[in-house]
Amino acid sequence: MNQLVNKTPIKNAATVVIKREISGRPYVLMGQRGRNAAFMPNKFVFPGGAIDTQDRDIDLASKLDKKMQEQLLYDSLDVEPNAIIAGAIREVWEETGLRIIGEKPISILKNKKFDQWDSFFSQGFLPNPSGLEFFFRAITPPGRPRRFDARFFICNASEIAGNLDDFSNAGTELRHLQWINLETVNKLELPFITEIVLAEVASREIRGPNPEGIPFFDYSKEDSNIRFII
């Protein structure tokens, strides 16, 4: 294997599975990556991406649950739980145009400049972590052009402010944004790890959170290591 590829840095990332019921059936929000994308071209994915520097300085509408903080820090280096959550919410906004906001105003940030967050803050409220549940984690295997240590969160559509079908503020990274029936989503072109995440989401519909803990697919080295975060 190319040694340069082996040295591809692993970046912290966050992904959000937004779930909605339509006519009594579960749907999830997904979009398609462009055919020229360096990472997972043409694949249908959930909104998400790498954690940015500015995410570390963003105040949240409420404090994170202590248990979630511990779970996000599990076997991790250079991780700030607040930044992971902030990055997850920012990515949802940038890629779908949907906001996950609380009732706490942003007046405390009026003397700070966050150009990556300015459009999100236009409604005057802070990102809200209370509706996000950490339920899955995966590290991209070696040999990929980009590698991520991705934390996956599930969020009910009731946590979204505004019209759930209005994607007019979405960026250009994801095309064909749509609510997809959880029962038929596997007919799409999906990354392998997305198929696993979807299976976990489907299982949650039947039995609730995984009784063994949060599945962690650790492909940081050549050999995969599948374990659970308690």
C-alpha atoms as a PDB file:
ATOM      1  CA  MET A   1       0.000   0.000   0.000  1.00  0.00           C
ATOM      2  CA  ASN A   2       1.226   3.506  -0.779  1.00  0.00           C
ATOM      3  CA  GLN A   3       2.928   4.844   2.329  1.00  0.00           C
ATOM      4  CA  LEU A   4       1.775   8.380   1.563  1.00  0.00           C
ATOM      5  CA  VAL A   5      -1.839   7.195   1.625  1.00  0.00           C
ATOM      6  CA  ASN A   6      -1.143   5.374   4.878  1.00  0.00           C
ATOM      7  CA  LYS A   7      -0.171   8.693   6.429  1.00  0.00           C
ATOM      8  CA  THR A   8      -3.421  10.425   5.514  1.00  0.00           C
ATOM      9  CA  PRO A   9      -4.432  12.295   8.703  1.00  0.00           C
ATOM     10  CA  ILE A  10      -7.593  11.251  10.487  1.00  0.00           C
ATOM     11  CA  LYS A  11      -9.807  14.295  11.067  1.00  0.00           C
ATOM     12  CA  ASN A  12     -12.578  14.576  13.628  1.00  0.00           C
ATOM     13  CA  ALA A  13     -15.983  14.750  11.962  1.00  0.00           C
ATOM     14  CA  ALA A  14     -19.664  14.675  12.798  1.00  0.00           C
ATOM     15  CA  THR A  15     -22.729  13.433  10.947  1.00  0.00           C
ATOM     16  CA  VAL A  16     -26.414  13.864  11.752  1.00  0.00           C
ATOM     17  CA  VAL A  17     -29.202  11.439  10.893  1.00  0.00           C
ATOM     18  CA  ILE A  18     -32.406  13.491  10.945  1.00  0.00           C
ATOM     19  CA  LYS A  19     -35.456  11.264  11.298  1.00  0.00           C
ATOM     20  CA  ARG A  20     -39.036  12.160  10.441  1.00  0.00           C
ATOM     21  CA  GLU A  21     -42.352  10.364  10.283  1.00  0.00           C
ATOM     22  CA  ILE A  22     -44.488  10.764   7.160  1.00  0.00           C
ATOM     23  CA  SER A  23     -47.847   8.964   7.085  1.00  0.00           C
ATOM     24  CA  GLY A  24     -46.685   6.865  10.031  1.00  0.00           C
ATOM     25  CA  ARG A  25     -43.499   5.658   8.319  1.00  0.00           C
ATOM     26  CA  PRO A  26     -39.899   6.593   9.237  1.00  0.00           C
ATOM     27  CA  TYR A  27     -37.910   8.735   6.828  1.00  0.00           C
ATOM     28  CA  VAL A  28     -34.330  10.067   6.952  1.00  0.00           C
ATOM     29  CA  LEU A  29     -32.821  13.115   5.269  1.00  0.00           C
ATOM     30  CA  MET A  30     -30.072  12.369   2.726  1.00  0.00           C
ATOM     31  CA  GLY A  31     -28.374  13.983  -0.239  1.00  0.00           C
ATOM     32  CA  GLN A  32     -26.067  12.879  -3.041  1.00  0.00           C
ATOM     33  CA  ARG A  33     -22.414  13.880  -3.216  1.00  0.00           C
ATOM     34  CA  GLY A  34     -21.142  15.211  -6.546  1.00  0.00           C
ATOM     35  CA  ARG A  35     -19.501  12.905  -9.053  1.00  0.00           C
ATOM     36  CA  ASN A  36     -16.226  14.871  -8.784  1.00  0.00           C
ATOM     37  CA  ALA A  37     -16.104  14.814  -4.982  1.00  0.00           C
ATOM     38  CA  ALA A  38     -12.783  13.549  -3.594  1.00  0.00           C
ATOM     39  CA  PHE A  39     -14.566  11.544  -0.913  1.00  0.00           C
ATOM     40  CA  MET A  40     -17.456   9.167  -1.694  1.00  0.00           C
ATOM     41  CA  PRO A  41     -18.425  10.607  -5.114  1.00  0.00           C
ATOM     42  CA  ASN A  42     -22.024   9.994  -6.253  1.00  0.00           C
ATOM     43  CA  LYS A  43     -22.950   8.358  -2.947  1.00  0.00           C
ATOM     44  CA  PHE A  44     -26.051   9.248  -0.959  1.00  0.00           C
ATOM     45  CA  VAL A  45     -25.050  10.326   2.544  1.00  0.00           C
ATOM     46  CA  PHE A  46     -26.305  12.100   5.649  1.00  0.00           C
ATOM     47  CA  PRO A  47     -25.314  15.724   6.238  1.00  0.00           C
ATOM     48  CA  GLY A  48     -21.953  15.939   7.981  1.00  0.00           C
ATOM     49  CA  GLY A  49     -18.299  16.783   7.656  1.00  0.00           C
ATOM     50  CA  ALA A  50     -15.056  17.703   9.361  1.00  0.00           C
ATOM     51  CA  ILE A  51     -14.912  19.766  12.544  1.00  0.00           C
ATOM     52  CA  ASP A  52     -13.555  23.260  11.874  1.00  0.00           C
ATOM     53  CA  THR A  53     -11.406  25.471  14.093  1.00  0.00           C
ATOM     54  CA  GLN A  54     -14.237  27.937  14.734  1.00  0.00           C
ATOM     55  CA  ASP A  55     -16.459  25.150  16.082  1.00  0.00           C
ATOM     56  CA  ARG A  56     -14.254  25.069  19.194  1.00  0.00           C
ATOM     57  CA  ASP A  57     -15.301  28.602  20.175  1.00  0.00           C
ATOM     58  CA  ILE A  58     -19.053  28.322  19.648  1.00  0.00           C
ATOM     59  CA  ASP A  59     -21.335  28.533  22.650  1.00  0.00           C
ATOM     60  CA  LEU A  60     -24.219  26.073  22.762  1.00  0.00           C
ATOM     61  CA  ALA A  61     -27.785  26.757  23.874  1.00  0.00           C
ATOM     62  CA  SER A  62     -27.428  24.234  26.721  1.00  0.00           C
ATOM     63  CA  LYS A  63     -24.729  22.162  28.388  1.00  0.00           C
ATOM     64  CA  LEU A  64     -23.920  18.700  27.145  1.00  0.00           C
ATOM     65  CA  ASP A  65     -24.950  15.732  29.221  1.00  0.00           C
ATOM     66  CA  LYS A  66     -21.943  14.482  31.212  1.00  0.00           C
ATOM     67  CA  LYS A  67     -22.451  10.934  29.959  1.00  0.00           C
ATOM     68  CA  MET A  68     -22.367  12.090  26.335  1.00  0.00           C
ATOM     69  CA  GLN A  69     -19.203  14.063  26.981  1.00  0.00           C
ATOM     70  CA  GLU A  70     -17.526  10.944  28.333  1.00  0.00           C
ATOM     71  CA  GLN A  71     -18.711   8.885  25.361  1.00  0.00           C
ATOM     72  CA  LEU A  72     -17.438  11.450  22.858  1.00  0.00           C
ATOM     73  CA  LEU A  73     -14.051  11.464  24.582  1.00  0.00           C
ATOM     74  CA  TYR A  74     -13.719   7.675  24.578  1.00  0.00           C
ATOM     75  CA  ASP A  75     -10.372   6.527  23.150  1.00  0.00           C
ATOM     76  CA  SER A  76      -9.858   9.902  21.469  1.00  0.00           C
ATOM     77  CA  LEU A  77      -7.120  12.476  21.061  1.00  0.00           C
ATOM     78  CA  ASP A  78      -7.591  16.210  20.550  1.00  0.00           C
ATOM     79  CA  VAL A  79     -11.368  16.072  20.914  1.00  0.00           C
ATOM     80  CA  GLU A  80     -13.606  18.742  22.413  1.00  0.00           C
ATOM     81  CA  PRO A  81     -17.179  17.474  22.850  1.00  0.00           C
ATOM     82  CA  ASN A  82     -18.698  20.940  22.389  1.00  0.00           C
ATOM     83  CA  ALA A  83     -16.824  21.372  19.100  1.00  0.00           C
ATOM     84  CA  ILE A  84     -18.081  18.001  17.836  1.00  0.00           C
ATOM     85  CA  ILE A  85     -21.695  18.982  18.553  1.00  0.00           C
ATOM     86  CA  ALA A  86     -21.278  22.485  17.132  1.00  0.00           C
ATOM     87  CA  GLY A  87     -19.684  21.079  13.994  1.00  0.00           C
ATOM     88  CA  ALA A  88     -22.519  18.601  13.554  1.00  0.00           C
ATOM     89  CA  ILE A  89     -25.132  21.356  13.731  1.00  0.00           C
ATOM     90  CA  ARG A  90     -23.122  23.648  11.430  1.00  0.00           C
ATOM     91  CA  GLU A  91     -22.807  20.908   8.821  1.00  0.00           C
ATOM     92  CA  VAL A  92     -26.569  20.341   8.864  1.00  0.00           C
ATOM     93  CA  TRP A  93     -27.080  24.048   8.230  1.00  0.00           C
ATOM     94  CA  GLU A  94     -24.467  24.322   5.476  1.00  0.00           C
ATOM     95  CA  GLU A  95     -25.534  21.201   3.595  1.00  0.00           C
ATOM     96  CA  THR A  96     -29.315  21.293   4.054  1.00  0.00           C
ATOM     97  CA  GLY A  97     -30.223  24.846   5.078  1.00  0.00           C
ATOM     98  CA  LEU A  98     -31.972  23.521   8.200  1.00  0.00           C
ATOM     99  CA  ARG A  99     -31.228  24.931  11.643  1.00  0.00           C
ATOM    100  CA  ILE A 100     -31.086  23.114  14.967  1.00  0.00           C
ATOM    101  CA  ILE A 101     -31.450  26.024  17.382  1.00  0.00           C
ATOM    102  CA  GLY A 102     -32.425  26.583  20.997  1.00  0.00           C
ATOM    103  CA  GLU A 103     -34.114  29.493  22.724  1.00  0.00           C
ATOM    104  CA  LYS A 104     -30.911  31.057  24.048  1.00  0.00           C
ATOM    105  CA  PRO A 105     -30.061  34.307  22.190  1.00  0.00           C
ATOM    106  CA  ILE A 106     -26.579  34.938  20.823  1.00  0.00           C
ATOM    107  CA  SER A 107     -26.057  38.340  22.442  1.00  0.00           C
ATOM    108  CA  ILE A 108     -23.124  36.890  24.388  1.00  0.00           C
ATOM    109  CA  LEU A 109     -21.317  36.413  21.077  1.00  0.00           C
ATOM    110  CA  LYS A 110     -21.839  39.928  19.755  1.00  0.00           C
ATOM    111  CA  ASN A 111     -18.187  40.874  20.135  1.00  0.00           C
ATOM    112  CA  LYS A 112     -16.883  37.751  18.398  1.00  0.00           C
ATOM    113  CA  LYS A 113     -16.500  37.130  14.688  1.00  0.00           C
ATOM    114  CA  PHE A 114     -17.374  33.714  13.252  1.00  0.00           C
ATOM    115  CA  ASP A 115     -17.550  34.012   9.483  1.00  0.00           C
ATOM    116  CA  GLN A 116     -18.343  30.297   9.091  1.00  0.00           C
ATOM    117  CA  TRP A 117     -21.289  30.735  11.461  1.00  0.00           C
ATOM    118  CA  ASP A 118     -22.624  34.172  10.471  1.00  0.00           C
ATOM    119  CA  SER A 119     -25.450  32.852   8.301  1.00  0.00           C
ATOM    120  CA  PHE A 120     -26.499  30.327  10.948  1.00  0.00           C
ATOM    121  CA  PHE A 121     -26.663  33.070  13.582  1.00  0.00           C
ATOM    122  CA  SER A 122     -28.891  35.297  11.424  1.00  0.00           C
ATOM    123  CA  GLN A 123     -31.977  34.112  13.329  1.00  0.00           C
ATOM    124  CA  GLY A 124     -30.387  35.208  16.585  1.00  0.00           C
ATOM    125  CA  PHE A 125     -30.142  31.905  18.453  1.00  0.00           C
ATOM    126  CA  LEU A 126     -27.442  29.460  19.502  1.00  0.00           C
ATOM    127  CA  PRO A 127     -27.107  25.869  18.216  1.00  0.00           C
ATOM    128  CA  ASN A 128     -29.096  23.451  20.350  1.00  0.00           C
ATOM    129  CA  PRO A 129     -27.484  20.149  21.402  1.00  0.00           C
ATOM    130  CA  SER A 130     -30.365  18.839  23.507  1.00  0.00           C
ATOM    131  CA  GLY A 131     -32.070  16.914  20.693  1.00  0.00           C
ATOM    132  CA  LEU A 132     -28.943  15.170  19.406  1.00  0.00           C
ATOM    133  CA  GLU A 133     -28.172  11.631  20.567  1.00  0.00           C
ATOM    134  CA  PHE A 134     -24.729  10.097  19.963  1.00  0.00           C
ATOM    135  CA  PHE A 135     -25.400   6.594  18.631  1.00  0.00           C
ATOM    136  CA  PHE A 136     -22.596   5.479  16.291  1.00  0.00           C
ATOM    137  CA  ARG A 137     -18.920   6.071  15.542  1.00  0.00           C
ATOM    138  CA  ALA A 138     -16.632   5.003  12.703  1.00  0.00           C
ATOM    139  CA  ILE A 139     -13.055   5.674  11.591  1.00  0.00           C
ATOM    140  CA  THR A 140     -12.354   5.559   7.854  1.00  0.00           C
ATOM    141  CA  PRO A 141     -10.078   2.639   6.855  1.00  0.00           C
ATOM    142  CA  PRO A 142      -6.518   3.191   5.562  1.00  0.00           C
ATOM    143  CA  GLY A 143      -6.077   3.678   1.833  1.00  0.00           C
ATOM    144  CA  ARG A 144      -8.737   6.355   1.414  1.00  0.00           C
ATOM    145  CA  PRO A 145      -7.881   9.845   0.046  1.00  0.00           C
ATOM    146  CA  ARG A 146      -9.514  11.339   3.148  1.00  0.00           C
ATOM    147  CA  ARG A 147     -10.006   9.800   6.556  1.00  0.00           C
ATOM    148  CA  PHE A 148     -12.368  10.773   9.367  1.00  0.00           C
ATOM    149  CA  ASP A 149     -13.135   9.817  12.931  1.00  0.00           C
ATOM    150  CA  ALA A 150     -16.858  10.413  12.576  1.00  0.00           C
ATOM    151  CA  ARG A 151     -19.388  10.600  15.383  1.00  0.00           C
ATOM    152  CA  PHE A 152     -22.958  10.007  14.253  1.00  0.00           C
ATOM    153  CA  PHE A 153     -25.914  11.645  15.959  1.00  0.00           C
ATOM    154  CA  ILE A 154     -29.607  10.966  15.543  1.00  0.00           C
ATOM    155  CA  CYS A 155     -32.053  13.861  15.713  1.00  0.00           C
ATOM    156  CA  ASN A 156     -35.830  13.960  15.434  1.00  0.00           C
ATOM    157  CA  ALA A 157     -37.164  16.402  12.862  1.00  0.00           C
ATOM    158  CA  SER A 158     -39.121  18.131  15.655  1.00  0.00           C
ATOM    159  CA  GLU A 159     -35.800  19.709  16.706  1.00  0.00           C
ATOM    160  CA  ILE A 160     -35.536  21.560  13.387  1.00  0.00           C
ATOM    161  CA  ALA A 161     -36.621  25.208  13.251  1.00  0.00           C
ATOM    162  CA  GLY A 162     -38.726  26.128  10.232  1.00  0.00           C
ATOM    163  CA  ASN A 163     -39.987  24.284   7.169  1.00  0.00           C
ATOM    164  CA  LEU A 164     -38.634  20.735   6.943  1.00  0.00           C
ATOM    165  CA  ASP A 165     -39.004  20.729   3.151  1.00  0.00           C
ATOM    166  CA  ASP A 166     -37.289  24.069   2.491  1.00  0.00           C
ATOM    167  CA  PHE A 167     -33.727  23.425   1.315  1.00  0.00           C
ATOM    168  CA  SER A 168     -33.336  26.829  -0.367  1.00  0.00           C
ATOM    169  CA  ASN A 169     -30.496  27.808   2.004  1.00  0.00           C
ATOM    170  CA  ALA A 170     -28.532  24.612   1.381  1.00  0.00           C
ATOM    171  CA  GLY A 171     -25.020  24.729  -0.018  1.00  0.00           C
ATOM    172  CA  THR A 172     -23.880  22.871  -3.112  1.00  0.00           C
ATOM    173  CA  GLU A 173     -22.051  19.935  -1.533  1.00  0.00           C
ATOM    174  CA  LEU A 174     -25.120  17.685  -1.497  1.00  0.00           C
ATOM    175  CA  ARG A 175     -27.543  17.389  -4.410  1.00  0.00           C
ATOM    176  CA  HIS A 176     -31.008  15.873  -4.530  1.00  0.00           C
ATOM    177  CA  LEU A 177     -31.725  16.513  -0.848  1.00  0.00           C
ATOM    178  CA  GLN A 178     -34.783  14.515   0.111  1.00  0.00           C
ATOM    179  CA  TRP A 179     -36.581  12.625   2.831  1.00  0.00           C
ATOM    180  CA  ILE A 180     -36.139   8.937   2.046  1.00  0.00           C
ATOM    181  CA  ASN A 181     -38.255   6.079   3.358  1.00  0.00           C
ATOM    182  CA  LEU A 182     -36.149   4.039   5.785  1.00  0.00           C
ATOM    183  CA  GLU A 183     -37.692   0.873   4.344  1.00  0.00           C
ATOM    184  CA  THR A 184     -36.477   1.559   0.785  1.00  0.00           C
ATOM    185  CA  VAL A 185     -33.314   3.626   1.296  1.00  0.00           C
ATOM    186  CA  ASN A 186     -30.995   0.688   0.568  1.00  0.00           C
ATOM    187  CA  LYS A 187     -31.980   0.890  -3.100  1.00  0.00           C
ATOM    188  CA  LEU A 188     -29.772   3.984  -3.381  1.00  0.00           C
ATOM    189  CA  GLU A 189     -26.021   4.059  -4.026  1.00  0.00           C
ATOM    190  CA  LEU A 190     -24.691   4.114  -0.481  1.00  0.00           C
ATOM    191  CA  PRO A 191     -21.249   3.938   1.146  1.00  0.00           C
ATOM    192  CA  PHE A 192     -20.672   0.723   3.080  1.00  0.00           C
ATOM    193  CA  ILE A 193     -20.571   2.472   6.460  1.00  0.00           C
ATOM    194  CA  THR A 194     -23.803   4.322   5.663  1.00  0.00           C
ATOM    195  CA  GLU A 195     -25.514   0.968   5.108  1.00  0.00           C
ATOM    196  CA  ILE A 196     -24.349  -0.123   8.571  1.00  0.00           C
ATOM    197  CA  VAL A 197     -25.559   3.112  10.153  1.00  0.00           C
ATOM    198  CA  LEU A 198     -28.939   2.733   8.454  1.00  0.00           C
ATOM    199  CA  ALA A 199     -29.222  -0.804   9.807  1.00  0.00           C
ATOM    200  CA  GLU A 200     -28.586   0.580  13.281  1.00  0.00           C
ATOM    201  CA  VAL A 201     -31.222   3.279  12.765  1.00  0.00           C
ATOM    202  CA  ALA A 202     -33.723   0.625  11.604  1.00  0.00           C
ATOM    203  CA  SER A 203     -32.945  -1.526  14.636  1.00  0.00           C
ATOM    204  CA  ARG A 204     -33.550   1.443  16.921  1.00  0.00           C
ATOM    205  CA  GLU A 205     -37.044   1.719  15.468  1.00  0.00           C
ATOM    206  CA  ILE A 206     -37.757  -1.745  16.879  1.00  0.00           C
ATOM    207  CA  ARG A 207     -35.758  -2.059  20.101  1.00  0.00           C
ATOM    208  CA  GLY A 208     -34.588   1.479  20.952  1.00  0.00           C
ATOM    209  CA  PRO A 209     -30.924   2.293  21.673  1.00  0.00           C
ATOM    210  CA  ASN A 210     -28.437  -0.537  21.250  1.00  0.00           C
ATOM    211  CA  PRO A 211     -28.340  -2.458  24.562  1.00  0.00           C
ATOM    212  CA  GLU A 212     -24.624  -3.200  24.103  1.00  0.00           C
ATOM    213  CA  GLY A 213     -23.702   0.459  23.839  1.00  0.00           C
ATOM    214  CA  ILE A 214     -22.685   2.769  20.976  1.00  0.00           C
ATOM    215  CA  PRO A 215     -21.230   0.738  18.057  1.00  0.00           C
ATOM    216  CA  PHE A 216     -17.675   1.869  17.223  1.00  0.00           C
ATOM    217  CA  PHE A 217     -16.231   0.636  13.903  1.00  0.00           C
ATOM    218  CA  ASP A 218     -12.547   1.399  14.402  1.00  0.00           C
ATOM    219  CA  TYR A 219     -10.660   1.118  11.103  1.00  0.00           C
ATOM    220  CA  SER A 220      -7.774   3.314  12.249  1.00  0.00           C
ATOM    221  CA  LYS A 221      -5.336   0.498  11.450  1.00  0.00           C
ATOM    222  CA  GLU A 222      -5.174  -2.319   8.911  1.00  0.00           C
ATOM    223  CA  ASP A 223      -7.290  -4.641  11.034  1.00  0.00           C
ATOM    224  CA  SER A 224     -10.808  -3.513  11.885  1.00  0.00           C
ATOM    225  CA  ASN A 225     -11.877  -3.418  15.494  1.00  0.00           C
ATOM    226  CA  ILE A 226     -15.595  -3.363  16.244  1.00  0.00           C
ATOM    227  CA  ARG A 227     -16.481  -2.575  19.848  1.00  0.00           C
ATOM    228  CA  PHE A 228     -19.038  -0.664  21.912  1.00  0.00           C
ATOM    229  CA  ILE A 229     -18.833   2.583  23.822  1.00  0.00           C
ATOM    230  CA  ILE A 230     -20.674   2.275  27.128  1.00  0.00           C
END
